[in-house]
Amino acid sequence: MPKANAPAGSLSLLERKRLELARAMATGPKLLLLDEIAGGLTEAECRSLVQTIRDIHAEGVTIIWIEHVLHALNAVVERLLVLDFGRVIGIGDPKEIMESREVREIYLGIEV
């Protein structure tokens, strides 16, 4: 573990995000809340983080994830809830929700 004693400020963005995940997992949670954890990562870093989140979920941890990096979110989630100013505009299967007219117009700026 070459970075075990490194100050958090010297870590890369992905390493800091992994450190935060490790801190949260050290408490033995049944539920993990993630807020914009994929933001700022490169595509390769994002794929790596998604795999880590999948592994955590496979261990039986329920995850609630707020995210705007949709491809990362959709690679993991089993159920998607989309809000628009606090109003639920979609809940259910991620593929169906992402194909919803309202979601596409509001979040993706695609006129349907």
C-alpha atoms as a PDB file:
ATOM      1  CA  MET A   1       0.000   0.000   0.000  1.00  0.00           C
ATOM      2  CA  PRO A   2       2.245   2.771  -1.249  1.00  0.00           C
ATOM      3  CA  LYS A   3      -0.202   5.569  -0.387  1.00  0.00           C
ATOM      4  CA  ALA A   4      -1.361   4.287   3.003  1.00  0.00           C
ATOM      5  CA  ASN A   5       0.318   7.131   4.883  1.00  0.00           C
ATOM      6  CA  ALA A   6       0.036   9.819   2.219  1.00  0.00           C
ATOM      7  CA  PRO A   7      -1.856  12.995   3.156  1.00  0.00           C
ATOM      8  CA  ALA A   8      -5.307  13.087   1.533  1.00  0.00           C
ATOM      9  CA  GLY A   9      -4.382  16.345  -0.225  1.00  0.00           C
ATOM     10  CA  SER A  10      -1.643  14.569  -2.165  1.00  0.00           C
ATOM     11  CA  LEU A  11      -4.033  11.999  -3.638  1.00  0.00           C
ATOM     12  CA  SER A  12      -5.595  12.161  -7.089  1.00  0.00           C
ATOM     13  CA  LEU A  13      -9.308  12.932  -7.387  1.00  0.00           C
ATOM     14  CA  LEU A  14     -10.183   9.255  -7.885  1.00  0.00           C
ATOM     15  CA  GLU A  15      -8.031   8.263  -4.917  1.00  0.00           C
ATOM     16  CA  ARG A  16      -9.764  10.863  -2.719  1.00  0.00           C
ATOM     17  CA  LYS A  17     -13.164   9.570  -3.791  1.00  0.00           C
ATOM     18  CA  ARG A  18     -12.056   6.015  -2.960  1.00  0.00           C
ATOM     19  CA  LEU A  19     -10.803   7.259   0.409  1.00  0.00           C
ATOM     20  CA  GLU A  20     -14.221   8.755   1.148  1.00  0.00           C
ATOM     21  CA  LEU A  21     -15.869   5.464   0.168  1.00  0.00           C
ATOM     22  CA  ALA A  22     -13.474   3.572   2.433  1.00  0.00           C
ATOM     23  CA  ARG A  23     -14.238   5.893   5.337  1.00  0.00           C
ATOM     24  CA  ALA A  24     -17.962   5.354   4.849  1.00  0.00           C
ATOM     25  CA  MET A  25     -17.573   1.583   4.478  1.00  0.00           C
ATOM     26  CA  ALA A  26     -15.482   1.376   7.654  1.00  0.00           C
ATOM     27  CA  THR A  27     -18.681   2.019   9.623  1.00  0.00           C
ATOM     28  CA  GLY A  28     -20.279  -1.158   8.231  1.00  0.00           C
ATOM     29  CA  PRO A  29     -23.299   0.559   6.675  1.00  0.00           C
ATOM     30  CA  LYS A  30     -26.404  -1.182   5.394  1.00  0.00           C
ATOM     31  CA  LEU A  31     -27.232   1.960   3.405  1.00  0.00           C
ATOM     32  CA  LEU A  32     -24.707   4.154   1.590  1.00  0.00           C
ATOM     33  CA  LEU A  33     -25.574   7.629   0.318  1.00  0.00           C
ATOM     34  CA  LEU A  34     -23.476   8.868  -2.615  1.00  0.00           C
ATOM     35  CA  ASP A  35     -23.653  12.449  -3.861  1.00  0.00           C
ATOM     36  CA  GLU A  36     -22.070  13.273  -7.220  1.00  0.00           C
ATOM     37  CA  ILE A  37     -19.224  10.823  -6.652  1.00  0.00           C
ATOM     38  CA  ALA A  38     -18.481  10.438 -10.378  1.00  0.00           C
ATOM     39  CA  GLY A  39     -18.144  14.178 -11.014  1.00  0.00           C
ATOM     40  CA  GLY A  40     -14.809  15.311 -12.425  1.00  0.00           C
ATOM     41  CA  LEU A  41     -13.490  11.851 -13.247  1.00  0.00           C
ATOM     42  CA  THR A  42     -12.106  10.734 -16.588  1.00  0.00           C
ATOM     43  CA  GLU A  43     -13.929   7.987 -18.456  1.00  0.00           C
ATOM     44  CA  ALA A  44     -11.454   5.329 -17.299  1.00  0.00           C
ATOM     45  CA  GLU A  45     -11.612   6.557 -13.698  1.00  0.00           C
ATOM     46  CA  CYS A  46     -15.391   6.549 -13.855  1.00  0.00           C
ATOM     47  CA  ARG A  47     -15.449   2.927 -15.052  1.00  0.00           C
ATOM     48  CA  SER A  48     -13.146   1.959 -12.198  1.00  0.00           C
ATOM     49  CA  LEU A  49     -15.330   3.748  -9.654  1.00  0.00           C
ATOM     50  CA  VAL A  50     -18.484   2.143 -11.067  1.00  0.00           C
ATOM     51  CA  GLN A  51     -16.929  -1.285 -10.542  1.00  0.00           C
ATOM     52  CA  THR A  52     -16.096  -0.386  -6.938  1.00  0.00           C
ATOM     53  CA  ILE A  53     -19.698   0.722  -6.363  1.00  0.00           C
ATOM     54  CA  ARG A  54     -20.971  -2.521  -7.936  1.00  0.00           C
ATOM     55  CA  ASP A  55     -18.714  -4.491  -5.591  1.00  0.00           C
ATOM     56  CA  ILE A  56     -20.046  -2.606  -2.570  1.00  0.00           C
ATOM     57  CA  HIS A  57     -23.625  -3.269  -3.661  1.00  0.00           C
ATOM     58  CA  ALA A  58     -22.808  -6.963  -4.225  1.00  0.00           C
ATOM     59  CA  GLU A  59     -21.787  -7.130  -0.563  1.00  0.00           C
ATOM     60  CA  GLY A  60     -25.395  -6.342   0.353  1.00  0.00           C
ATOM     61  CA  VAL A  61     -25.143  -2.589   0.860  1.00  0.00           C
ATOM     62  CA  THR A  62     -28.131  -0.596  -0.399  1.00  0.00           C
ATOM     63  CA  ILE A  63     -27.021   2.503  -2.293  1.00  0.00           C
ATOM     64  CA  ILE A  64     -28.849   5.770  -2.856  1.00  0.00           C
ATOM     65  CA  TRP A  65     -26.876   7.702  -5.451  1.00  0.00           C
ATOM     66  CA  ILE A  66     -27.444  11.289  -6.559  1.00  0.00           C
ATOM     67  CA  GLU A  67     -25.564  11.813  -9.805  1.00  0.00           C
ATOM     68  CA  HIS A  68     -25.478  13.874 -12.994  1.00  0.00           C
ATOM     69  CA  VAL A  69     -22.982  11.603 -14.774  1.00  0.00           C
ATOM     70  CA  LEU A  70     -25.814   9.523 -16.164  1.00  0.00           C
ATOM     71  CA  HIS A  71     -23.794   6.805 -17.892  1.00  0.00           C
ATOM     72  CA  ALA A  72     -22.104   5.969 -14.573  1.00  0.00           C
ATOM     73  CA  LEU A  73     -25.396   5.931 -12.734  1.00  0.00           C
ATOM     74  CA  ASN A  74     -27.161   3.842 -15.370  1.00  0.00           C
ATOM     75  CA  ALA A  75     -24.327   1.299 -15.349  1.00  0.00           C
ATOM     76  CA  VAL A  76     -25.143   0.410 -11.746  1.00  0.00           C
ATOM     77  CA  VAL A  77     -28.701   1.206 -10.720  1.00  0.00           C
ATOM     78  CA  GLU A  78     -31.609  -1.195 -10.698  1.00  0.00           C
ATOM     79  CA  ARG A  79     -34.185   1.527 -10.110  1.00  0.00           C
ATOM     80  CA  LEU A  80     -34.093   5.202 -11.003  1.00  0.00           C
ATOM     81  CA  LEU A  81     -35.967   8.132  -9.489  1.00  0.00           C
ATOM     82  CA  VAL A  82     -35.790  11.451 -11.321  1.00  0.00           C
ATOM     83  CA  LEU A  83     -36.802  14.741  -9.731  1.00  0.00           C
ATOM     84  CA  ASP A  84     -37.461  18.137 -11.276  1.00  0.00           C
ATOM     85  CA  PHE A  85     -37.457  20.834  -8.594  1.00  0.00           C
ATOM     86  CA  GLY A  86     -38.594  18.278  -6.009  1.00  0.00           C
ATOM     87  CA  ARG A  87     -41.341  16.827  -8.211  1.00  0.00           C
ATOM     88  CA  VAL A  88     -41.040  13.149  -9.196  1.00  0.00           C
ATOM     89  CA  ILE A  89     -41.055  12.919 -12.984  1.00  0.00           C
ATOM     90  CA  GLY A  90     -39.970   9.306 -13.264  1.00  0.00           C
ATOM     91  CA  ILE A  91     -39.456   6.266 -11.107  1.00  0.00           C
ATOM     92  CA  GLY A  92     -38.727   2.691 -12.111  1.00  0.00           C
ATOM     93  CA  ASP A  93     -36.604   0.841 -14.646  1.00  0.00           C
ATOM     94  CA  PRO A  94     -33.635   3.059 -15.637  1.00  0.00           C
ATOM     95  CA  LYS A  95     -33.973   2.378 -19.366  1.00  0.00           C
ATOM     96  CA  GLU A  96     -37.682   3.211 -19.370  1.00  0.00           C
ATOM     97  CA  ILE A  97     -37.151   6.332 -17.290  1.00  0.00           C
ATOM     98  CA  MET A  98     -34.334   7.599 -19.537  1.00  0.00           C
ATOM     99  CA  GLU A  99     -36.595   7.117 -22.565  1.00  0.00           C
ATOM    100  CA  SER A 100     -39.390   9.131 -20.947  1.00  0.00           C
ATOM    101  CA  ARG A 101     -40.357  12.224 -22.896  1.00  0.00           C
ATOM    102  CA  GLU A 102     -40.348  14.461 -19.819  1.00  0.00           C
ATOM    103  CA  VAL A 103     -36.957  13.244 -18.593  1.00  0.00           C
ATOM    104  CA  ARG A 104     -35.415  13.638 -22.036  1.00  0.00           C
ATOM    105  CA  GLU A 105     -36.747  17.175 -22.381  1.00  0.00           C
ATOM    106  CA  ILE A 106     -35.851  18.362 -18.875  1.00  0.00           C
ATOM    107  CA  TYR A 107     -32.513  16.650 -18.270  1.00  0.00           C
ATOM    108  CA  LEU A 108     -31.120  16.014 -21.705  1.00  0.00           C
ATOM    109  CA  GLY A 109     -32.545  19.066 -23.477  1.00  0.00           C
ATOM    110  CA  ILE A 110     -33.929  16.864 -26.229  1.00  0.00           C
ATOM    111  CA  GLU A 111     -37.238  18.010 -27.669  1.00  0.00           C
ATOM    112  CA  VAL A 112     -39.502  15.034 -28.194  1.00  0.00           C
END
